Amino acid sequence: EFRRVLFRSAPALAGAEMPGKGVVIQPGQDNIDGENFQTILVMKALQELGYTVNAVQNAKYPALHIAIANGDVTFMADHWNPLHQAFFDKAGGSSKLSRTGGYIKGCAQGYLIDKRTADQYGITNIAQLTDPKIAKLFDANGDGKADLAGCVPGWGCERVIEYQMDAFKLRDTVTHNQGEYSAIIAETITRYKEGRPVLYYTWTPYWVSGVLVPGKDVSWIEVPHSAHPDGKDTELPNGRNYGFEVNTQMIVANLDFVRKNPAAAKLFELMSVSVNDVSAQNLKMKEKGQGGWDAAVRHADAWIGANRTIFDAWLNAARAAAK
């Protein structure tokens, strides 16, 4: 599946201003609306450097990493480090892929429940769901087990959740629902609005935390100890443990391309957008007429307009690297 890209043609500038002239770039992305904005910002920056940027190609994360390693896709803007480490390694790791900078830092993820239930029953830890009476509070389909709105297979988070279902002995009392995330989280929000208890996995930046606000509507719950399929320690510096490391979204690119294109390499290293800016854009997508690729192009244009000085600094550094 390819998406239309609505970009204005860049003005004809001297070679030094357009180090990417004559080079074609193929962006890749999982088909997740919440990642359109990040991808488009990189595409627009590359275009201003003179690169010819094709419409984005969609694939699941594992396949994208392999496509980038093979050179069929040039880059993706939404590699989650360390969540996607296994995909990175399987595709050839640093011998085939470039991964530099820190595009979006401070991306938290984990399990949440509605604050009312958390406060009423003193629930602070997912291990409490081994108690059938506590688990039953979050039963959405009448089978007596808690329903966890979980993670789509192929995203990476499902590996962690599935591992923790066993590690924390939750199988008998909790069902990990792995349907299409947008559908199961919509059902979760509906249940919350009806005043019913909810249990779900989510991440930031994403619009969900703008609708169900942590600390106000919902509460993060901890895990009893670190339990990660890759043996990671997930305890945070403050001593809390939400079962997942804080991630950085990074730009992963084909290593051969990066070596031949120092301007793009420098751009990938320098680009940085705040997690709050991405969450704000993701929440805006929920407004009428603000969802989908074309709206994200408008949001990216608005962000660039508001942050033109920063954007130009990246471009100028990229041009300098090409000289």
C-alpha atoms as a PDB file:
ATOM      1  CA  GLU A   1       0.000   0.000   0.000  1.00  0.00           C
ATOM      2  CA  PHE A   2       1.333   3.409  -0.954  1.00  0.00           C
ATOM      3  CA  ARG A   3       0.067   6.751   0.264  1.00  0.00           C
ATOM      4  CA  ARG A   4      -0.215   9.991  -1.611  1.00  0.00           C
ATOM      5  CA  VAL A   5       2.230  12.621  -0.497  1.00  0.00           C
ATOM      6  CA  LEU A   6       1.231  16.265  -0.686  1.00  0.00           C
ATOM      7  CA  PHE A   7       4.462  18.186  -0.909  1.00  0.00           C
ATOM      8  CA  ARG A   8       5.159  21.466  -2.603  1.00  0.00           C
ATOM      9  CA  SER A   9       8.020  21.255  -5.072  1.00  0.00           C
ATOM     10  CA  ALA A  10      11.212  22.674  -3.614  1.00  0.00           C
ATOM     11  CA  PRO A  11      12.696  25.748  -5.264  1.00  0.00           C
ATOM     12  CA  ALA A  12      15.632  25.205  -7.612  1.00  0.00           C
ATOM     13  CA  LEU A  13      18.703  26.004  -5.549  1.00  0.00           C
ATOM     14  CA  ALA A  14      22.416  25.740  -6.115  1.00  0.00           C
ATOM     15  CA  GLY A  15      24.057  22.336  -5.669  1.00  0.00           C
ATOM     16  CA  ALA A  16      25.444  23.209  -2.253  1.00  0.00           C
ATOM     17  CA  GLU A  17      21.922  23.960  -1.047  1.00  0.00           C
ATOM     18  CA  MET A  18      20.554  20.724  -2.556  1.00  0.00           C
ATOM     19  CA  PRO A  19      23.077  17.969  -1.739  1.00  0.00           C
ATOM     20  CA  GLY A  20      20.422  15.306  -2.330  1.00  0.00           C
ATOM     21  CA  LYS A  21      19.675  16.285  -5.918  1.00  0.00           C
ATOM     22  CA  GLY A  22      19.213  13.233  -8.126  1.00  0.00           C
ATOM     23  CA  VAL A  23      18.986  10.764  -5.210  1.00  0.00           C
ATOM     24  CA  VAL A  24      15.709   8.875  -4.669  1.00  0.00           C
ATOM     25  CA  ILE A  25      14.574   7.969  -1.148  1.00  0.00           C
ATOM     26  CA  GLN A  26      11.976   5.338  -0.227  1.00  0.00           C
ATOM     27  CA  PRO A  27      10.481   5.960   3.249  1.00  0.00           C
ATOM     28  CA  GLY A  28       8.899   3.101   5.185  1.00  0.00           C
ATOM     29  CA  GLN A  29       6.435   3.033   8.074  1.00  0.00           C
ATOM     30  CA  ASP A  30       4.078   0.689   9.851  1.00  0.00           C
ATOM     31  CA  ASN A  31       0.488   1.570   8.958  1.00  0.00           C
ATOM     32  CA  ILE A  32      -0.095   3.485  12.208  1.00  0.00           C
ATOM     33  CA  ASP A  33      -1.665   6.953  11.951  1.00  0.00           C
ATOM     34  CA  GLY A  34       0.118   8.009  15.145  1.00  0.00           C
ATOM     35  CA  GLU A  35       3.458   7.772  13.312  1.00  0.00           C
ATOM     36  CA  ASN A  36       2.546   9.685  10.136  1.00  0.00           C
ATOM     37  CA  PHE A  37       3.595  13.063  11.555  1.00  0.00           C
ATOM     38  CA  GLN A  38       7.104  11.919  12.530  1.00  0.00           C
ATOM     39  CA  THR A  39       7.686  10.291   9.134  1.00  0.00           C
ATOM     40  CA  ILE A  40       6.422  13.329   7.205  1.00  0.00           C
ATOM     41  CA  LEU A  41       8.718  15.737   9.087  1.00  0.00           C
ATOM     42  CA  VAL A  42      11.743  13.680   7.993  1.00  0.00           C
ATOM     43  CA  MET A  43      10.421  13.402   4.425  1.00  0.00           C
ATOM     44  CA  LYS A  44       9.956  17.162   4.196  1.00  0.00           C
ATOM     45  CA  ALA A  45      13.443  17.854   5.557  1.00  0.00           C
ATOM     46  CA  LEU A  46      14.958  15.447   3.033  1.00  0.00           C
ATOM     47  CA  GLN A  47      13.026  17.100   0.232  1.00  0.00           C
ATOM     48  CA  GLU A  48      14.320  20.525   1.217  1.00  0.00           C
ATOM     49  CA  LEU A  49      17.812  19.053   0.860  1.00  0.00           C
ATOM     50  CA  GLY A  50      16.968  18.152  -2.739  1.00  0.00           C
ATOM     51  CA  TYR A  51      16.242  14.444  -2.359  1.00  0.00           C
ATOM     52  CA  THR A  52      13.433  12.923  -4.406  1.00  0.00           C
ATOM     53  CA  VAL A  53      11.161  11.346  -1.782  1.00  0.00           C
ATOM     54  CA  ASN A  54       8.775   8.598  -2.838  1.00  0.00           C
ATOM     55  CA  ALA A  55       5.390   7.965  -1.221  1.00  0.00           C
ATOM     56  CA  VAL A  56       5.738   6.002   2.009  1.00  0.00           C
ATOM     57  CA  GLN A  57       5.634   2.205   1.841  1.00  0.00           C
ATOM     58  CA  ASN A  58       3.796   0.419   4.645  1.00  0.00           C
ATOM     59  CA  ALA A  59       4.893  -2.811   6.300  1.00  0.00           C
ATOM     60  CA  LYS A  60       5.067  -4.280   9.809  1.00  0.00           C
ATOM     61  CA  TYR A  61       8.137  -3.398  11.884  1.00  0.00           C
ATOM     62  CA  PRO A  62      10.029  -6.715  11.471  1.00  0.00           C
ATOM     63  CA  ALA A  63       9.664  -6.607   7.670  1.00  0.00           C
ATOM     64  CA  LEU A  64      10.605  -2.899   7.570  1.00  0.00           C
ATOM     65  CA  HIS A  65      13.917  -3.501   9.310  1.00  0.00           C
ATOM     66  CA  ILE A  66      14.769  -6.232   6.798  1.00  0.00           C
ATOM     67  CA  ALA A  67      13.669  -4.066   3.849  1.00  0.00           C
ATOM     68  CA  ILE A  68      15.923  -1.238   5.087  1.00  0.00           C
ATOM     69  CA  ALA A  69      18.849  -3.632   5.518  1.00  0.00           C
ATOM     70  CA  ASN A  70      18.306  -4.858   1.932  1.00  0.00           C
ATOM     71  CA  GLY A  71      18.013  -1.321   0.553  1.00  0.00           C
ATOM     72  CA  ASP A  72      14.409  -1.740  -0.641  1.00  0.00           C
ATOM     73  CA  VAL A  73      13.417   0.940   1.901  1.00  0.00           C
ATOM     74  CA  THR A  74      15.783   3.822   2.739  1.00  0.00           C
ATOM     75  CA  PHE A  75      14.678   4.732   6.256  1.00  0.00           C
ATOM     76  CA  MET A  76      11.983   4.530   8.918  1.00  0.00           C
ATOM     77  CA  ALA A  77      11.432   7.289  11.498  1.00  0.00           C
ATOM     78  CA  ASP A  78       9.752   5.089  14.103  1.00  0.00           C
ATOM     79  CA  HIS A  79      12.277   2.547  15.335  1.00  0.00           C
ATOM     80  CA  TRP A  80      11.675   2.117  19.073  1.00  0.00           C
ATOM     81  CA  ASN A  81      14.925   1.608  20.965  1.00  0.00           C
ATOM     82  CA  PRO A  82      15.176  -0.746  22.840  1.00  0.00           C
ATOM     83  CA  LEU A  83      11.735  -2.282  22.099  1.00  0.00           C
ATOM     84  CA  HIS A  84      12.694  -3.086  18.488  1.00  0.00           C
ATOM     85  CA  GLN A  85      16.219  -4.324  19.284  1.00  0.00           C
ATOM     86  CA  ALA A  86      15.353  -7.890  18.231  1.00  0.00           C
ATOM     87  CA  PHE A  87      14.110  -6.637  14.827  1.00  0.00           C
ATOM     88  CA  PHE A  88      17.259  -4.515  14.446  1.00  0.00           C
ATOM     89  CA  ASP A  89      19.515  -7.464  15.260  1.00  0.00           C
ATOM     90  CA  LYS A  90      17.663  -9.927  13.031  1.00  0.00           C
ATOM     91  CA  ALA A  91      17.993  -7.560  10.048  1.00  0.00           C
ATOM     92  CA  GLY A  92      21.780  -7.458  10.427  1.00  0.00           C
ATOM     93  CA  GLY A  93      22.192  -4.856  13.172  1.00  0.00           C
ATOM     94  CA  SER A  94      24.839  -2.176  12.827  1.00  0.00           C
ATOM     95  CA  SER A  95      26.513  -4.002   9.920  1.00  0.00           C
ATOM     96  CA  LYS A  96      23.486  -3.202   7.728  1.00  0.00           C
ATOM     97  CA  LEU A  97      21.604  -0.434   9.537  1.00  0.00           C
ATOM     98  CA  SER A  98      22.356   3.095  10.743  1.00  0.00           C
ATOM     99  CA  ARG A  99      20.777   4.206  14.052  1.00  0.00           C
ATOM    100  CA  THR A 100      21.918   7.579  15.396  1.00  0.00           C
ATOM    101  CA  GLY A 101      20.673  10.516  17.451  1.00  0.00           C
ATOM    102  CA  GLY A 102      17.449  10.527  19.440  1.00  0.00           C
ATOM    103  CA  TYR A 103      14.461  11.608  17.340  1.00  0.00           C
ATOM    104  CA  ILE A 104      11.789  11.369  20.075  1.00  0.00           C
ATOM    105  CA  LYS A 105      13.058  10.764  23.599  1.00  0.00           C
ATOM    106  CA  GLY A 106      11.172   9.808  26.756  1.00  0.00           C
ATOM    107  CA  CYS A 107       8.594   7.442  25.253  1.00  0.00           C
ATOM    108  CA  ALA A 108       6.969   5.650  28.212  1.00  0.00           C
ATOM    109  CA  GLN A 109       4.770   2.570  27.989  1.00  0.00           C
ATOM    110  CA  GLY A 110       3.054   0.142  30.279  1.00  0.00           C
ATOM    111  CA  TYR A 111      -0.227  -0.891  31.897  1.00  0.00           C
ATOM    112  CA  LEU A 112      -2.971   1.413  33.161  1.00  0.00           C
ATOM    113  CA  ILE A 113      -6.302   1.054  34.946  1.00  0.00           C
ATOM    114  CA  ASP A 114      -9.021   3.574  35.669  1.00  0.00           C
ATOM    115  CA  LYS A 115      -8.165   5.696  38.705  1.00  0.00           C
ATOM    116  CA  ARG A 116     -11.495   5.121  40.435  1.00  0.00           C
ATOM    117  CA  THR A 117     -10.962   1.349  40.593  1.00  0.00           C
ATOM    118  CA  ALA A 118      -7.296   1.802  41.487  1.00  0.00           C
ATOM    119  CA  ASP A 119      -8.202   4.029  44.435  1.00  0.00           C
ATOM    120  CA  GLN A 120     -11.220   2.002  45.570  1.00  0.00           C
ATOM    121  CA  TYR A 121      -9.385  -1.349  45.671  1.00  0.00           C
ATOM    122  CA  GLY A 122      -5.836  -0.092  46.309  1.00  0.00           C
ATOM    123  CA  ILE A 123      -4.524  -1.535  43.039  1.00  0.00           C
ATOM    124  CA  THR A 124      -0.967  -0.390  42.321  1.00  0.00           C
ATOM    125  CA  ASN A 125       0.610  -3.513  40.825  1.00  0.00           C
ATOM    126  CA  ILE A 126      -0.396  -5.890  38.032  1.00  0.00           C
ATOM    127  CA  ALA A 127       0.438  -8.876  40.284  1.00  0.00           C
ATOM    128  CA  GLN A 128      -2.756  -8.076  42.217  1.00  0.00           C
ATOM    129  CA  LEU A 129      -4.664  -9.373  39.175  1.00  0.00           C
ATOM    130  CA  THR A 130      -3.686 -12.939  40.126  1.00  0.00           C
ATOM    131  CA  ASP A 131      -6.517 -12.592  42.669  1.00  0.00           C
ATOM    132  CA  PRO A 132      -9.625 -13.773  40.744  1.00  0.00           C
ATOM    133  CA  LYS A 133     -11.825 -11.273  42.623  1.00  0.00           C
ATOM    134  CA  ILE A 134      -9.630  -8.326  41.526  1.00  0.00           C
ATOM    135  CA  ALA A 135      -9.259  -9.684  37.983  1.00  0.00           C
ATOM    136  CA  LYS A 136     -13.027 -10.066  37.625  1.00  0.00           C
ATOM    137  CA  LEU A 137     -13.459  -6.291  38.056  1.00  0.00           C
ATOM    138  CA  PHE A 138     -11.928  -5.887  34.583  1.00  0.00           C
ATOM    139  CA  ASP A 139     -13.973  -8.633  32.912  1.00  0.00           C
ATOM    140  CA  ALA A 140     -15.503  -7.193  29.727  1.00  0.00           C
ATOM    141  CA  ASN A 141     -17.011 -10.349  28.204  1.00  0.00           C
ATOM    142  CA  GLY A 142     -18.362 -12.272  31.194  1.00  0.00           C
ATOM    143  CA  ASP A 143     -15.818 -15.117  31.311  1.00  0.00           C
ATOM    144  CA  GLY A 144     -14.609 -14.115  34.773  1.00  0.00           C
ATOM    145  CA  LYS A 145     -11.125 -13.096  33.598  1.00  0.00           C
ATOM    146  CA  ALA A 146      -9.691  -9.579  33.302  1.00  0.00           C
ATOM    147  CA  ASP A 147      -9.574  -8.277  29.737  1.00  0.00           C
ATOM    148  CA  LEU A 148      -6.316  -6.504  28.937  1.00  0.00           C
ATOM    149  CA  ALA A 149      -6.456  -4.274  25.851  1.00  0.00           C
ATOM    150  CA  GLY A 150      -3.028  -5.298  24.661  1.00  0.00           C
ATOM    151  CA  CYS A 151      -0.637  -5.111  21.747  1.00  0.00           C
ATOM    152  CA  VAL A 152      -0.830  -6.047  18.069  1.00  0.00           C
ATOM    153  CA  PRO A 153       1.417  -8.970  17.037  1.00  0.00           C
ATOM    154  CA  GLY A 154       4.452  -7.642  15.168  1.00  0.00           C
ATOM    155  CA  TRP A 155       4.760  -4.386  17.110  1.00  0.00           C
ATOM    156  CA  GLY A 156       7.277  -5.671  19.663  1.00  0.00           C
ATOM    157  CA  CYS A 157       5.256  -4.830  22.778  1.00  0.00           C
ATOM    158  CA  GLU A 158       3.333  -8.099  22.435  1.00  0.00           C
ATOM    159  CA  ARG A 159       6.575 -10.058  23.088  1.00  0.00           C
ATOM    160  CA  VAL A 160       7.001  -8.256  26.402  1.00  0.00           C
ATOM    161  CA  ILE A 161       3.355  -8.598  27.459  1.00  0.00           C
ATOM    162  CA  GLU A 162       3.235 -12.304  26.552  1.00  0.00           C
ATOM    163  CA  TYR A 163       6.464 -12.916  28.498  1.00  0.00           C
ATOM    164  CA  GLN A 164       5.071 -11.071  31.510  1.00  0.00           C
ATOM    165  CA  MET A 165       1.765 -12.964  31.383  1.00  0.00           C
ATOM    166  CA  ASP A 166       3.824 -16.060  32.235  1.00  0.00           C
ATOM    167  CA  ALA A 167       6.399 -14.393  34.509  1.00  0.00           C
ATOM    168  CA  PHE A 168       3.711 -12.807  36.718  1.00  0.00           C
ATOM    169  CA  LYS A 169       1.409 -15.895  36.564  1.00  0.00           C
ATOM    170  CA  LEU A 170      -1.469 -13.958  35.014  1.00  0.00           C
ATOM    171  CA  ARG A 171      -2.659 -16.582  32.489  1.00  0.00           C
ATOM    172  CA  ASP A 172      -5.410 -18.006  34.718  1.00  0.00           C
ATOM    173  CA  THR A 173      -6.977 -14.630  35.513  1.00  0.00           C
ATOM    174  CA  VAL A 174      -6.132 -12.286  32.607  1.00  0.00           C
ATOM    175  CA  THR A 175      -6.807 -12.451  28.851  1.00  0.00           C
ATOM    176  CA  HIS A 176      -4.360 -10.540  26.639  1.00  0.00           C
ATOM    177  CA  ASN A 177      -6.505  -9.206  23.772  1.00  0.00           C
ATOM    178  CA  GLN A 178      -4.325  -8.700  20.693  1.00  0.00           C
ATOM    179  CA  GLY A 179      -6.801  -7.382  18.164  1.00  0.00           C
ATOM    180  CA  GLU A 180      -6.385  -4.221  16.078  1.00  0.00           C
ATOM    181  CA  TYR A 181      -5.262  -1.695  18.683  1.00  0.00           C
ATOM    182  CA  SER A 182      -7.421   1.203  17.486  1.00  0.00           C
ATOM    183  CA  ALA A 183     -10.529  -1.006  17.808  1.00  0.00           C
ATOM    184  CA  ILE A 184      -9.772  -2.483  21.237  1.00  0.00           C
ATOM    185  CA  ILE A 185      -8.725   0.871  22.703  1.00  0.00           C
ATOM    186  CA  ALA A 186     -11.931   2.471  21.342  1.00  0.00           C
ATOM    187  CA  GLU A 187     -13.924  -0.225  23.191  1.00  0.00           C
ATOM    188  CA  THR A 188     -11.839   0.456  26.308  1.00  0.00           C
ATOM    189  CA  ILE A 189     -12.594   4.198  26.185  1.00  0.00           C
ATOM    190  CA  THR A 190     -16.300   3.465  25.698  1.00  0.00           C
ATOM    191  CA  ARG A 191     -16.264   1.220  28.775  1.00  0.00           C
ATOM    192  CA  TYR A 192     -14.482   3.925  30.765  1.00  0.00           C
ATOM    193  CA  LYS A 193     -17.111   6.510  29.740  1.00  0.00           C
ATOM    194  CA  GLU A 194     -19.812   4.092  30.889  1.00  0.00           C
ATOM    195  CA  GLY A 195     -18.183   4.093  34.334  1.00  0.00           C
ATOM    196  CA  ARG A 196     -16.812   0.544  34.067  1.00  0.00           C
ATOM    197  CA  PRO A 197     -13.283  -0.513  35.115  1.00  0.00           C
ATOM    198  CA  VAL A 198     -10.669  -0.681  32.344  1.00  0.00           C
ATOM    199  CA  LEU A 199      -7.246  -2.319  31.978  1.00  0.00           C
ATOM    200  CA  TYR A 200      -5.048  -1.536  28.997  1.00  0.00           C
ATOM    201  CA  TYR A 201      -1.543  -1.227  27.610  1.00  0.00           C
ATOM    202  CA  THR A 202      -0.479   2.002  25.904  1.00  0.00           C
ATOM    203  CA  TRP A 203       2.540   4.114  25.089  1.00  0.00           C
ATOM    204  CA  THR A 204       3.534   7.749  24.733  1.00  0.00           C
ATOM    205  CA  PRO A 205       3.523   9.721  22.542  1.00  0.00           C
ATOM    206  CA  TYR A 206       0.011   8.697  21.550  1.00  0.00           C
ATOM    207  CA  TRP A 207      -3.422  10.296  21.661  1.00  0.00           C
ATOM    208  CA  VAL A 208      -4.828   7.811  24.192  1.00  0.00           C
ATOM    209  CA  SER A 209      -3.102   9.597  27.079  1.00  0.00           C
ATOM    210  CA  GLY A 210      -4.758  12.831  25.989  1.00  0.00           C
ATOM    211  CA  VAL A 211      -8.209  11.219  26.307  1.00  0.00           C
ATOM    212  CA  LEU A 212      -7.541   9.027  29.364  1.00  0.00           C
ATOM    213  CA  VAL A 213      -5.156  11.284  31.262  1.00  0.00           C
ATOM    214  CA  PRO A 214      -2.730   9.513  33.629  1.00  0.00           C
ATOM    215  CA  GLY A 215      -3.081  10.845  37.177  1.00  0.00           C
ATOM    216  CA  LYS A 216      -6.548  12.248  36.462  1.00  0.00           C
ATOM    217  CA  ASP A 217      -8.610   9.557  34.732  1.00  0.00           C
ATOM    218  CA  VAL A 218      -6.290   6.570  34.906  1.00  0.00           C
ATOM    219  CA  SER A 219      -3.270   5.285  36.859  1.00  0.00           C
ATOM    220  CA  TRP A 220      -0.094   3.562  35.668  1.00  0.00           C
ATOM    221  CA  ILE A 221       0.355   0.293  37.565  1.00  0.00           C
ATOM    222  CA  GLU A 222       3.699  -1.273  38.338  1.00  0.00           C
ATOM    223  CA  VAL A 223       4.994  -4.809  37.841  1.00  0.00           C
ATOM    224  CA  PRO A 224       6.377  -6.888  40.739  1.00  0.00           C
ATOM    225  CA  HIS A 225       9.873  -7.124  39.228  1.00  0.00           C
ATOM    226  CA  SER A 226      11.716  -6.784  35.924  1.00  0.00           C
ATOM    227  CA  ALA A 227      10.668  -9.547  33.512  1.00  0.00           C
ATOM    228  CA  HIS A 228      11.678  -8.919  29.919  1.00  0.00           C
ATOM    229  CA  PRO A 229      12.227 -11.395  27.045  1.00  0.00           C
ATOM    230  CA  ASP A 230      15.613  -9.779  26.368  1.00  0.00           C
ATOM    231  CA  GLY A 231      16.622  -9.801  30.041  1.00  0.00           C
ATOM    232  CA  LYS A 232      16.332  -6.022  30.409  1.00  0.00           C
ATOM    233  CA  ASP A 233      16.137  -4.311  33.778  1.00  0.00           C
ATOM    234  CA  THR A 234      13.029  -2.124  33.557  1.00  0.00           C
ATOM    235  CA  GLU A 235      13.326  -0.411  36.947  1.00  0.00           C
ATOM    236  CA  LEU A 236      13.382   3.378  36.570  1.00  0.00           C
ATOM    237  CA  PRO A 237      15.819   5.693  38.423  1.00  0.00           C
ATOM    238  CA  ASN A 238      13.006   6.628  40.843  1.00  0.00           C
ATOM    239  CA  GLY A 239      12.616   2.984  41.858  1.00  0.00           C
ATOM    240  CA  ARG A 240       9.307   2.457  40.082  1.00  0.00           C
ATOM    241  CA  ASN A 241       8.949  -0.389  37.596  1.00  0.00           C
ATOM    242  CA  TYR A 242       6.319  -0.349  34.859  1.00  0.00           C
ATOM    243  CA  GLY A 243       7.606  -3.427  33.027  1.00  0.00           C
ATOM    244  CA  PHE A 244       8.976  -1.553  30.024  1.00  0.00           C
ATOM    245  CA  GLU A 245      12.049   0.577  29.522  1.00  0.00           C
ATOM    246  CA  VAL A 246      11.566   4.181  28.525  1.00  0.00           C
ATOM    247  CA  ASN A 247      12.169   4.158  24.768  1.00  0.00           C
ATOM    248  CA  THR A 248      13.658   6.576  22.280  1.00  0.00           C
ATOM    249  CA  GLN A 249      12.138   6.648  18.812  1.00  0.00           C
ATOM    250  CA  MET A 250      15.028   6.741  16.352  1.00  0.00           C
ATOM    251  CA  ILE A 251      15.540   7.058  12.625  1.00  0.00           C
ATOM    252  CA  VAL A 252      16.904   3.798  11.240  1.00  0.00           C
ATOM    253  CA  ALA A 253      18.352   3.918   7.730  1.00  0.00           C
ATOM    254  CA  ASN A 254      20.196   1.736   5.262  1.00  0.00           C
ATOM    255  CA  LEU A 255      23.879   1.901   6.239  1.00  0.00           C
ATOM    256  CA  ASP A 256      25.163   1.975   2.659  1.00  0.00           C
ATOM    257  CA  PHE A 257      22.833   4.893   1.839  1.00  0.00           C
ATOM    258  CA  VAL A 258      23.967   6.846   4.907  1.00  0.00           C
ATOM    259  CA  ARG A 259      27.647   6.371   4.023  1.00  0.00           C
ATOM    260  CA  LYS A 260      27.049   7.719   0.517  1.00  0.00           C
ATOM    261  CA  ASN A 261      24.804  10.576   1.684  1.00  0.00           C
ATOM    262  CA  PRO A 262      26.466  12.555   4.506  1.00  0.00           C
ATOM    263  CA  ALA A 263      23.757  15.249   4.351  1.00  0.00           C
ATOM    264  CA  ALA A 264      20.999  12.727   5.103  1.00  0.00           C
ATOM    265  CA  ALA A 265      23.221  11.055   7.710  1.00  0.00           C
ATOM    266  CA  LYS A 266      23.670  14.349   9.555  1.00  0.00           C
ATOM    267  CA  LEU A 267      19.945  15.124   9.323  1.00  0.00           C
ATOM    268  CA  PHE A 268      19.023  11.717  10.808  1.00  0.00           C
ATOM    269  CA  GLU A 269      21.485  12.317  13.634  1.00  0.00           C
ATOM    270  CA  LEU A 270      20.204  15.814  14.503  1.00  0.00           C
ATOM    271  CA  MET A 271      16.421  15.733  14.098  1.00  0.00           C
ATOM    272  CA  SER A 272      14.640  15.848  17.461  1.00  0.00           C
ATOM    273  CA  VAL A 273      10.981  16.463  18.291  1.00  0.00           C
ATOM    274  CA  SER A 274       9.538  16.574  21.810  1.00  0.00           C
ATOM    275  CA  VAL A 275       7.283  13.743  22.935  1.00  0.00           C
ATOM    276  CA  ASN A 276       4.703  16.368  23.960  1.00  0.00           C
ATOM    277  CA  ASP A 277       4.580  17.855  20.439  1.00  0.00           C
ATOM    278  CA  VAL A 278       3.890  14.399  18.996  1.00  0.00           C
ATOM    279  CA  SER A 279       1.207  13.630  21.603  1.00  0.00           C
ATOM    280  CA  ALA A 280      -0.452  16.995  20.854  1.00  0.00           C
ATOM    281  CA  GLN A 281      -0.503  16.198  17.135  1.00  0.00           C
ATOM    282  CA  ASN A 282      -1.820  12.692  17.838  1.00  0.00           C
ATOM    283  CA  LEU A 283      -4.655  14.119  19.936  1.00  0.00           C
ATOM    284  CA  LYS A 284      -5.497  16.632  17.195  1.00  0.00           C
ATOM    285  CA  MET A 285      -5.978  13.653  14.845  1.00  0.00           C
ATOM    286  CA  LYS A 286      -9.085  12.749  16.834  1.00  0.00           C
ATOM    287  CA  GLU A 287     -10.840  15.968  15.742  1.00  0.00           C
ATOM    288  CA  LYS A 288     -13.157  15.816  12.746  1.00  0.00           C
ATOM    289  CA  GLY A 289     -11.209  16.082   9.498  1.00  0.00           C
ATOM    290  CA  GLN A 290      -7.827  15.969  11.265  1.00  0.00           C
ATOM    291  CA  GLY A 291      -7.119  12.245  10.869  1.00  0.00           C
ATOM    292  CA  GLY A 292      -5.183  10.455   8.158  1.00  0.00           C
ATOM    293  CA  TRP A 293      -2.097  11.183   6.065  1.00  0.00           C
ATOM    294  CA  ASP A 294      -3.179  14.450   4.403  1.00  0.00           C
ATOM    295  CA  ALA A 295      -4.063  16.039   7.754  1.00  0.00           C
ATOM    296  CA  ALA A 296      -0.700  14.926   9.182  1.00  0.00           C
ATOM    297  CA  VAL A 297       0.984  16.732   6.258  1.00  0.00           C
ATOM    298  CA  ARG A 298      -0.810  19.932   7.349  1.00  0.00           C
ATOM    299  CA  HIS A 299       0.208  19.335  10.968  1.00  0.00           C
ATOM    300  CA  ALA A 300       3.828  18.846   9.894  1.00  0.00           C
ATOM    301  CA  ASP A 301       3.738  22.094   7.876  1.00  0.00           C
ATOM    302  CA  ALA A 302       2.369  23.916  10.930  1.00  0.00           C
ATOM    303  CA  TRP A 303       5.075  22.419  13.165  1.00  0.00           C
ATOM    304  CA  ILE A 304       7.806  23.411  10.706  1.00  0.00           C
ATOM    305  CA  GLY A 305       6.364  26.935  10.498  1.00  0.00           C
ATOM    306  CA  ALA A 306       6.407  27.262  14.287  1.00  0.00           C
ATOM    307  CA  ASN A 307       9.907  25.751  14.592  1.00  0.00           C
ATOM    308  CA  ARG A 308      11.513  27.104  11.421  1.00  0.00           C
ATOM    309  CA  THR A 309      14.722  28.234  13.142  1.00  0.00           C
ATOM    310  CA  ILE A 310      15.379  24.745  14.518  1.00  0.00           C
ATOM    311  CA  PHE A 311      14.397  23.089  11.234  1.00  0.00           C
ATOM    312  CA  ASP A 312      16.738  25.359   9.253  1.00  0.00           C
ATOM    313  CA  ALA A 313      19.589  24.636  11.674  1.00  0.00           C
ATOM    314  CA  TRP A 314      19.246  20.902  10.896  1.00  0.00           C
ATOM    315  CA  LEU A 315      19.213  21.596   7.164  1.00  0.00           C
ATOM    316  CA  ASN A 316      22.238  23.892   7.336  1.00  0.00           C
ATOM    317  CA  ALA A 317      24.207  21.333   9.349  1.00  0.00           C
ATOM    318  CA  ALA A 318      23.233  18.660   6.819  1.00  0.00           C
ATOM    319  CA  ARG A 319      24.401  20.857   3.930  1.00  0.00           C
ATOM    320  CA  ALA A 320      27.683  21.568   5.722  1.00  0.00           C
ATOM    321  CA  ALA A 321      28.253  17.832   6.227  1.00  0.00           C
ATOM    322  CA  ALA A 322      27.947  17.260   2.478  1.00  0.00           C
ATOM    323  CA  LYS A 323      30.668  19.738   1.582  1.00  0.00           C
END
